[in-house]
Protein backbone atom coordinates (compact mmCIF):
# COMPACT_ATOMS: atom_id res chain seq x y z
CA MET A 1 0.00 0.00 0.00
CA ARG A 2 1.78 3.14 -1.23
CA PHE A 3 0.33 6.28 0.27
CA SER A 4 2.80 8.50 -1.57
CA SER A 5 0.34 8.53 -4.48
CA ILE A 6 -2.66 9.78 -2.49
CA THR A 7 -4.08 12.83 -4.28
CA ALA A 8 -6.45 14.24 -1.67
CA ALA A 9 -5.08 17.61 -0.61
CA ALA A 10 -4.31 18.39 3.00
CA PRO A 11 -6.23 21.28 4.54
CA ARG A 12 -5.11 24.56 2.97
CA ALA A 13 -5.30 26.48 6.23
CA LEU A 14 -1.71 26.12 7.36
CA VAL A 15 -1.60 29.16 9.60
CA GLY A 16 -3.31 30.02 12.87
CA LEU A 17 -5.47 33.02 13.55
CA ALA A 18 -4.99 35.45 16.37
CA LEU A 19 -6.88 38.47 17.69
CA ALA A 20 -5.05 41.42 19.13
CA ALA A 21 -6.85 44.21 20.98
CA SER A 22 -5.50 47.61 21.86
CA VAL A 23 -6.90 49.95 24.50
CA ALA A 24 -6.17 52.83 22.12
CA CYS A 25 -8.69 51.52 19.56
CA SER A 26 -12.43 51.75 19.94
CA ASP A 27 -12.99 48.96 17.37
CA PHE A 28 -10.19 46.40 17.46
CA LEU A 29 -11.79 44.47 14.58
CA THR A 30 -10.71 47.25 12.22
CA VAL A 31 -7.05 46.84 13.14
CA LYS A 32 -5.05 44.75 10.70
CA ASN A 33 -3.07 42.06 12.53
CA PRO A 34 0.30 41.54 10.79
CA ASN A 35 0.40 37.98 12.18
CA VAL A 36 -2.71 36.90 10.27
CA ILE A 37 -2.24 35.47 6.78
CA ASP A 38 -5.16 35.20 4.41
CA ALA A 39 -4.98 31.65 3.03
CA GLY A 40 -6.65 32.89 -0.14
CA SER A 41 -3.70 35.19 -0.85
CA ILE A 42 -1.21 32.30 -1.01
CA ASP A 43 0.03 31.37 -4.47
CA PRO A 44 0.93 27.66 -4.15
CA VAL A 45 3.43 27.82 -7.03
CA GLN A 46 5.06 31.10 -6.08
CA ASP A 47 5.08 30.17 -2.39
CA ALA A 48 6.06 26.52 -2.89
CA ALA A 49 9.49 26.99 -1.34
CA THR A 50 7.96 28.52 1.78
CA LEU A 51 5.43 25.70 2.03
CA ALA A 52 8.11 23.04 1.52
CA ASN A 53 10.37 24.59 4.14
CA SER A 54 7.39 24.74 6.50
CA GLY A 55 6.87 21.02 5.97
CA GLN A 56 10.51 20.42 6.82
CA GLN A 57 10.17 22.59 9.92
CA ASN A 58 7.11 20.63 10.97
CA TYR A 59 9.12 17.42 10.79
CA GLN A 60 11.95 19.06 12.73
CA VAL A 61 9.49 19.96 15.52
CA THR A 62 8.05 16.44 15.44
CA LEU A 63 11.44 14.78 15.69
CA GLY A 64 12.31 16.70 18.84
CA TRP A 65 9.10 15.64 20.55
CA LEU A 66 9.41 12.00 19.54
CA ILE A 67 13.06 11.78 20.60
CA MET A 68 12.18 13.03 24.07
CA TYR A 69 9.14 10.84 24.64
CA GLY A 70 10.87 7.86 23.05
CA SER A 71 13.87 8.33 25.33
CA TRP A 72 11.60 7.89 28.35
CA PHE A 73 9.83 4.89 26.85
CA THR A 74 13.04 3.01 25.93
CA GLY A 75 15.19 3.84 28.95
CA GLU A 76 17.58 6.45 27.55
CA ALA A 77 16.27 8.96 30.07
CA LEU A 78 14.12 9.15 33.18
CA VAL A 79 10.95 11.25 33.46
CA ALA A 80 12.06 13.88 35.96
CA GLU A 81 8.71 15.63 36.15
CA THR A 82 5.31 15.23 37.75
CA PHE A 83 2.98 15.06 34.73
CA PRO A 84 1.20 11.68 34.99
CA THR A 85 0.78 11.72 31.22
CA ARG A 86 4.53 11.85 30.70
CA ASN A 87 5.27 9.30 33.39
CA GLU A 88 3.13 6.88 31.40
CA TYR A 89 5.94 6.84 28.84
CA GLY A 90 8.56 6.01 31.45
CA ARG A 91 6.29 3.19 32.62
CA ARG A 92 5.57 1.89 29.12
CA GLU A 93 1.84 2.18 29.74
CA VAL A 94 0.57 4.96 27.49
CA VAL A 95 -3.24 5.10 27.35
CA SER A 96 -5.08 6.34 24.28
CA SER A 97 -6.74 9.15 26.28
CA ASN A 98 -3.36 10.60 27.28
CA GLY A 99 -3.45 14.31 26.48
CA SER A 100 0.31 14.64 26.05
CA HIS A 101 0.26 11.67 23.71
CA ASN A 102 -2.14 13.46 21.41
CA GLY A 103 -0.80 16.99 21.75
CA ASP A 104 2.96 16.44 21.88
CA VAL A 105 3.40 13.24 19.89
CA TRP A 106 0.56 12.45 17.51
CA ALA A 107 -0.56 15.97 16.51
CA PRO A 108 2.93 17.12 15.39
CA LEU A 109 3.44 13.85 13.52
CA SER A 110 0.11 14.29 11.74
CA GLN A 111 0.89 17.93 10.94
CA SER A 112 4.21 16.91 9.42
CA ALA A 113 2.48 14.33 7.24
CA ALA A 114 -0.25 16.73 6.13
CA SER A 115 1.98 19.71 5.36
CA ASN A 116 4.51 17.71 3.36
CA HIS A 117 1.77 15.85 1.51
CA PHE A 118 0.20 19.21 0.67
CA VAL A 119 3.37 20.27 -1.16
CA ILE A 120 3.48 16.98 -3.05
CA GLY A 121 -0.06 17.65 -4.27
CA LEU A 122 0.83 21.03 -5.82
CA ALA A 123 1.16 21.33 -9.61
CA LEU A 124 4.69 22.73 -9.75
CA PRO A 125 6.90 23.34 -12.80
CA THR A 126 9.68 20.90 -13.76
CA PRO A 127 8.05 18.14 -11.67
CA ASP A 128 10.83 15.61 -12.29
CA THR A 129 13.47 17.85 -10.72
CA ASN A 130 11.62 20.39 -8.56
CA ILE A 131 13.47 20.68 -5.25
CA ASN A 132 10.27 21.43 -3.37
CA TYR A 133 9.04 17.96 -4.24
CA VAL A 134 12.42 16.53 -3.21
CA ARG A 135 12.17 18.23 0.17
CA ALA A 136 8.56 17.23 0.80
CA HIS A 137 9.07 13.58 -0.20
CA THR A 138 12.17 13.36 2.02
CA TRP A 139 10.41 14.57 5.16
CA LEU A 140 7.17 12.75 4.44
CA GLY A 141 9.29 9.60 4.18
CA TYR A 142 10.83 10.28 7.58
CA THR A 143 7.40 11.05 9.03
CA PHE A 144 6.13 7.64 7.92
CA LEU A 145 9.32 6.03 9.22
CA LEU A 146 8.91 7.51 12.71
CA MET A 147 5.27 6.49 12.71
CA ALA A 148 6.25 2.93 11.74
CA GLU A 149 8.97 2.70 14.39
CA GLN A 150 7.01 4.08 17.32
CA PHE A 151 3.29 3.47 16.75
CA CYS A 152 1.48 0.14 16.68
CA GLN A 153 -0.78 1.49 13.93
CA GLY A 154 -0.71 4.53 11.73
CA VAL A 155 -3.29 6.84 10.18
CA VAL A 156 -2.84 9.62 7.65
CA TYR A 157 -5.28 12.17 6.25
CA GLY A 158 -8.18 10.62 8.19
CA GLY A 159 -7.80 7.32 6.36
CA PRO A 160 -7.95 3.73 7.59
CA ALA A 161 -5.56 2.10 10.04
CA LEU A 162 -2.14 1.31 8.60
CA THR A 163 0.07 -1.58 9.66
CA THR A 164 3.76 -1.20 10.33
CA ALA A 165 4.41 -2.78 6.93
CA ASN A 166 2.11 -0.21 5.26
CA MET A 167 3.92 2.67 6.93
CA LEU A 168 7.37 1.37 6.02
CA ASP A 169 6.23 0.80 2.44
CA SER A 170 5.00 4.40 2.25
CA ALA A 171 8.28 5.65 3.73
CA ILE A 172 10.29 3.72 1.16
CA ALA A 173 8.09 5.00 -1.70
CA ASN A 174 8.61 8.61 -0.65
CA PHE A 175 12.34 8.17 -0.13
CA THR A 176 12.63 6.60 -3.59
CA THR A 177 10.91 9.58 -5.20
CA ALA A 178 13.11 12.01 -3.27
CA ILE A 179 16.25 10.18 -4.41
CA THR A 180 15.12 10.09 -8.04
CA LYS A 181 14.06 13.73 -8.24
CA GLY A 182 16.96 14.98 -6.11
CA THR A 183 19.53 13.18 -8.24
CA ALA A 184 17.93 14.51 -11.43
CA ASN A 185 17.94 18.05 -10.00
CA GLY A 186 21.69 17.88 -9.40
CA THR A 187 22.11 21.00 -7.27
CA ALA A 188 23.99 20.78 -4.00
CA ALA A 189 20.84 21.26 -1.93
CA ALA A 190 18.87 18.62 -3.84
CA THR A 191 21.79 16.18 -3.78
CA THR A 192 22.06 16.59 -0.01
CA LEU A 193 18.36 15.84 0.41
CA ALA A 194 18.72 12.79 -1.85
CA ASN A 195 21.47 11.50 0.43
CA VAL A 196 19.32 12.13 3.50
CA ALA A 197 16.63 10.07 1.78
CA ARG A 198 19.15 7.29 1.01
CA VAL A 199 19.91 6.96 4.70
CA GLY A 200 16.18 7.00 5.45
CA ARG A 201 15.43 4.33 2.86
CA ALA A 202 18.24 2.14 4.19
CA ARG A 203 16.79 2.47 7.70
CA ALA A 204 13.27 1.70 6.48
CA ASN A 205 14.44 -1.33 4.50
CA LEU A 206 16.31 -2.64 7.54
CA GLN A 207 13.21 -2.18 9.69
CA ALA A 208 11.16 -3.97 7.05
CA GLY A 209 13.55 -6.95 7.05
CA ASN A 210 14.96 -6.29 3.57
CA GLY A 211 18.66 -6.65 4.32
CA PRO A 212 20.06 -6.64 0.76
CA ALA A 213 18.19 -3.42 -0.11
CA ALA A 214 19.34 -1.83 3.16
CA ILE A 215 22.96 -2.72 2.39
CA ALA A 216 22.68 -1.31 -1.13
CA ASP A 217 21.18 1.97 0.08
CA ALA A 218 23.69 2.33 2.89
CA GLY A 219 26.56 1.74 0.48
CA SER A 220 25.35 4.57 -1.77
CA VAL A 221 25.67 7.19 0.98
CA PRO A 222 28.88 9.24 0.46
CA ALA A 223 31.76 8.93 2.89
CA ASN A 224 31.70 11.41 5.79
CA PHE A 225 28.16 12.50 4.97
CA THR A 226 26.23 14.11 7.84
CA TYR A 227 23.04 16.15 7.79
CA SER A 228 21.86 17.97 10.90
CA PHE A 229 19.00 20.24 11.86
CA SER A 230 19.99 23.63 13.26
CA PHE A 231 18.06 25.58 15.88
CA VAL A 232 17.83 29.14 17.18
CA ASP A 233 17.09 30.65 20.57
CA ASP A 234 13.87 32.60 20.30
CA ALA A 235 12.49 32.97 23.81
CA ALA A 236 8.95 33.40 22.50
CA ASN A 237 9.06 30.34 20.22
CA ARG A 238 11.36 27.79 21.81
CA THR A 239 8.89 24.95 21.38
CA ARG A 240 8.95 25.62 17.65
CA VAL A 241 12.52 26.63 16.85
CA SER A 242 14.81 25.55 19.72
CA ASN A 243 16.46 22.27 20.64
CA ARG A 244 13.86 20.19 22.48
CA MET A 245 16.38 18.28 24.63
CA TRP A 246 17.87 21.44 26.08
CA GLN A 247 14.48 23.11 26.42
CA PHE A 248 13.23 20.23 28.57
CA THR A 249 16.50 20.04 30.48
CA PHE A 250 16.95 23.72 31.28
CA ASP A 251 13.40 25.15 31.16
CA ARG A 252 11.41 22.19 32.42
CA GLY A 253 13.79 19.89 34.32
CA SER A 254 12.21 16.85 32.66
CA ILE A 255 15.06 14.80 31.20
CA SER A 256 17.34 12.94 33.59
CA VAL A 257 19.98 10.59 32.22
CA ALA A 258 19.00 6.97 32.87
CA PRO A 259 21.43 4.87 34.99
CA ALA A 260 22.44 2.64 32.04
CA PHE A 261 23.78 5.69 30.20
CA ARG A 262 25.75 7.23 33.08
CA VAL A 263 28.92 5.76 31.65
CA THR A 264 32.43 6.90 30.91
CA ASP A 265 32.25 7.26 27.16
CA PRO A 266 32.87 10.36 25.02
CA ARG A 267 29.55 9.83 23.23
CA ILE A 268 27.52 10.22 26.43
CA VAL A 269 27.99 13.72 27.81
CA TYR A 270 26.13 14.49 31.01
CA GLY A 271 26.34 16.42 34.24
CA ALA A 272 26.18 14.58 37.56
CA PRO A 273 24.36 16.09 40.53
CA GLY A 274 26.59 18.73 42.10
CA THR A 275 28.15 19.76 38.77
CA HIS A 276 25.23 22.03 37.84
CA THR A 277 22.57 24.15 39.51
CA LEU A 278 19.51 22.81 37.66
CA SER A 279 16.75 20.93 39.46
CA ALA A 280 14.39 18.18 38.42
CA GLN A 281 10.81 19.41 38.08
CA ASP A 282 9.71 16.47 40.27
CA ALA A 283 11.56 16.31 43.59
CA THR A 284 10.70 12.61 43.93
CA ALA A 285 12.70 11.82 40.78
CA GLY A 286 15.91 11.78 42.82
CA PRO A 287 19.21 13.43 41.88
CA PHE A 288 19.09 15.26 38.56
CA TRP A 289 21.54 13.90 36.01
CA ILE A 290 21.36 16.34 33.10
CA GLN A 291 22.18 15.55 29.48
CA ARG A 292 24.88 17.76 27.96
CA LYS A 293 24.88 16.32 24.48
CA TYR A 294 22.70 19.29 23.61
CA PRO A 295 23.95 22.06 25.92
CA ALA A 296 22.08 25.00 24.37
CA TYR A 297 18.86 26.00 22.66
CA THR A 298 20.93 26.31 19.48
CA SER A 299 22.54 22.85 19.64
CA SER A 300 22.23 21.02 16.32
CA LEU A 301 20.63 17.59 15.94
CA ARG A 302 22.04 14.92 13.63
CA VAL A 303 19.36 13.49 11.35
CA ALA A 304 21.18 11.31 8.81
CA SER A 305 24.80 10.25 8.40
CA LYS A 306 27.24 7.83 6.83
CA LEU A 307 27.83 6.51 10.34
CA GLU A 308 24.19 5.47 10.55
CA ALA A 309 24.42 3.95 7.07
CA ASP A 310 27.48 1.95 8.14
CA TYR A 311 25.61 0.61 11.16
CA ILE A 312 22.68 -0.37 8.95
CA ALA A 313 24.91 -2.21 6.50
CA ALA A 314 26.80 -3.95 9.31
CA GLU A 315 23.62 -5.13 11.03
CA ALA A 316 22.16 -6.44 7.79
CA GLY A 317 25.47 -8.09 6.89
CA GLY A 318 25.50 -10.45 9.87
CA THR A 319 27.76 -11.35 12.77
CA ALA A 320 31.13 -10.86 11.05
CA THR A 321 30.34 -7.34 9.84
CA GLN A 322 28.86 -6.50 13.22
CA GLN A 323 32.11 -7.57 14.89
CA THR A 324 34.08 -5.33 12.55
CA MET A 325 31.83 -2.37 13.37
CA ILE A 326 32.14 -3.05 17.09
CA ALA A 327 35.92 -2.98 16.83
CA THR A 328 35.86 0.21 14.76
CA ARG A 329 33.57 2.13 17.07
CA ARG A 330 35.26 1.03 20.28
CA ALA A 331 38.64 2.07 18.90
CA ALA A 332 37.26 5.39 17.66
CA ASN A 333 36.09 6.16 21.19
CA SER A 334 39.27 5.02 22.98
CA LEU A 335 37.63 1.95 24.49
CA PRO A 336 39.40 -1.39 24.94
CA ALA A 337 38.69 -4.10 22.41
CA TYR A 338 35.57 -6.18 22.96
CA SER A 339 36.42 -9.33 24.93
CA GLY A 340 33.01 -10.85 25.57
CA PRO A 341 31.32 -13.91 24.09
CA THR A 342 31.39 -14.22 20.31
CA ASP A 343 28.18 -16.12 19.62
CA ALA A 344 25.74 -14.34 17.31
CA ALA A 345 23.34 -13.23 20.07
CA SER A 346 26.12 -11.78 22.23
CA ILE A 347 27.71 -9.97 19.31
CA LEU A 348 24.37 -8.41 18.37
CA ILE A 349 23.89 -7.19 21.95
CA GLU A 350 27.30 -5.50 21.94
CA PHE A 351 26.70 -4.15 18.44
CA MET A 352 23.41 -2.56 19.48
CA ARG A 353 25.00 -1.20 22.62
CA GLN A 354 27.62 0.61 20.55
CA LYS A 355 24.94 1.96 18.22
CA ASN A 356 22.82 3.15 21.15
CA LEU A 357 25.83 4.99 22.53
CA ASP A 358 26.59 6.61 19.17
CA PHE A 359 22.99 7.72 18.64
CA TRP A 360 21.94 8.43 22.21
CA LEU A 361 18.99 10.87 22.29
CA GLU A 362 18.76 10.95 18.49
CA GLY A 363 15.59 8.89 18.07
CA GLN A 364 17.25 5.67 16.87
CA ARG A 365 16.79 3.40 19.88
CA PHE A 366 13.02 2.88 19.56
CA GLY A 367 13.27 1.33 16.11
CA ASP A 368 16.38 -0.65 17.09
CA TRP A 369 14.55 -2.14 20.05
CA ARG A 370 11.42 -3.07 18.12
CA ARG A 371 13.60 -4.74 15.49
CA ASN A 372 15.91 -6.46 17.99
CA PRO A 373 13.92 -6.72 21.25
CA THR A 374 16.32 -9.13 22.97
CA ALA A 375 19.49 -7.35 21.84
CA VAL A 376 18.67 -3.78 22.97
CA THR A 377 19.22 -3.85 26.73
CA ASP A 378 18.25 -1.61 29.65
CA VAL A 379 14.72 -0.92 28.47
CA PRO A 380 12.28 -0.61 31.43
CA VAL A 381 11.30 -4.17 32.38
CA PRO A 382 7.59 -5.11 32.49
CA GLY A 383 6.39 -5.64 36.05
CA SER A 384 9.39 -3.93 37.63
CA THR A 385 8.97 -1.16 40.18
CA TYR A 386 8.90 2.31 38.65
CA PHE A 387 11.80 4.46 39.79
CA LYS A 388 9.50 6.99 41.47
CA PRO A 389 7.00 6.33 44.29
CA GLY A 390 3.28 6.52 43.78
CA PHE A 391 3.11 4.93 40.35
CA SER A 392 2.08 1.51 39.13
CA PRO A 393 4.76 -0.93 37.93
CA VAL A 394 6.22 -0.76 34.44
CA GLY A 395 3.92 -2.03 31.69
CA ASN A 396 4.66 -4.18 28.67
CA GLN A 397 3.93 -1.92 25.70
CA THR A 398 6.33 -2.11 22.78
CA CYS A 399 4.71 0.65 20.71
CA TYR A 400 2.27 3.52 21.10
CA PRO A 401 -1.50 3.26 20.61
CA LEU A 402 -3.34 5.76 18.45
CA PRO A 403 -4.83 8.54 20.59
CA LEU A 404 -8.56 8.79 21.17
CA ALA A 405 -8.56 12.15 19.42
CA GLU A 406 -7.76 10.22 16.25
CA THR A 407 -9.90 7.13 16.63
CA ASP A 408 -12.95 8.95 18.02
CA ASN A 409 -13.03 11.35 15.07
CA ASN A 410 -12.04 8.99 12.30
CA PRO A 411 -14.99 7.22 10.61
CA ASN A 412 -12.73 4.28 9.77
CA PHE A 413 -12.69 3.28 13.45
CA PRO A 414 -15.85 1.78 14.98
């Protein structure tokens, strides 16, 4: 099922409305608000670049949210705040009525899908090479990929429930189009997006169990390639334009480094209690171990890289290639050579451990765990006592349910 070919347009109202009153005006309705955009004044062709960049920004916002919530769910971080809705993630027991689940996780993901799909539905010139299509297909592919990795089911544009296989298929279809159009375009920007899509397609193929295709895609990513999102510090818009990990470390006190990642390794940068003056939002969370991988609102976030591609190819290649990657990454980080058991299961555990260290708080661990549930260690254990008092034990979820806001308003669900 390839949803990249859906032609129904997303809602055209992509901007919010606001009312501003002034005590100096007797009739505030006559005052023109510069923050209000008339959707009818938008020229889809002329404004295609703005719309495509907005779709990319929507995915950037989504990724930050899903990294944070996924870090709690998979044991990269502890929920250092009081919100019961967020502690459900740390306990692996997210209910469909969870307000944070809808507002912080599902709504941004849906907005990313809709806004990028909207661009794809525009009738733009030079359709085989138009960079706006390249951009939109790239980030729609990643939106489907995140949905496939983290949700038990998917839904787009108010349609029927999608399986994980459906979502991965749609991700691969969009990545393929981005690669084709980006390569044909040939500019530096389009070529970069095509390489981002190559990493994404390799990741999706690996998740789908198509090892040979994953290896081929990973091998086509150029050496030393890295693509990162950049952020700015706008105090009025930090949820939209700033680094989510630092925002919820510094502003909220929500993210505390989980015990399994308080290790001596250059890839895991954190501050122990007593080395900083920040406090956990929830005093019952215990000492506050802050992440310092992202030490500012402006800290960049790696999205796609040759390093990820190499990990994908090594995993798909089997035990021998995994051993080689283990040796390479341990040496690169000044760690002693691996000396543990060399059976296939043990090697995969060590391989995934190295990958989880390399991509800590980058949104990789959720998909790794669902693909290799016995090899990704230190995930909260079902039935174990939650680390904070007053909560039920850890549940056994392995993926997120759709929120009630989706299923209650979607005619495809009884």
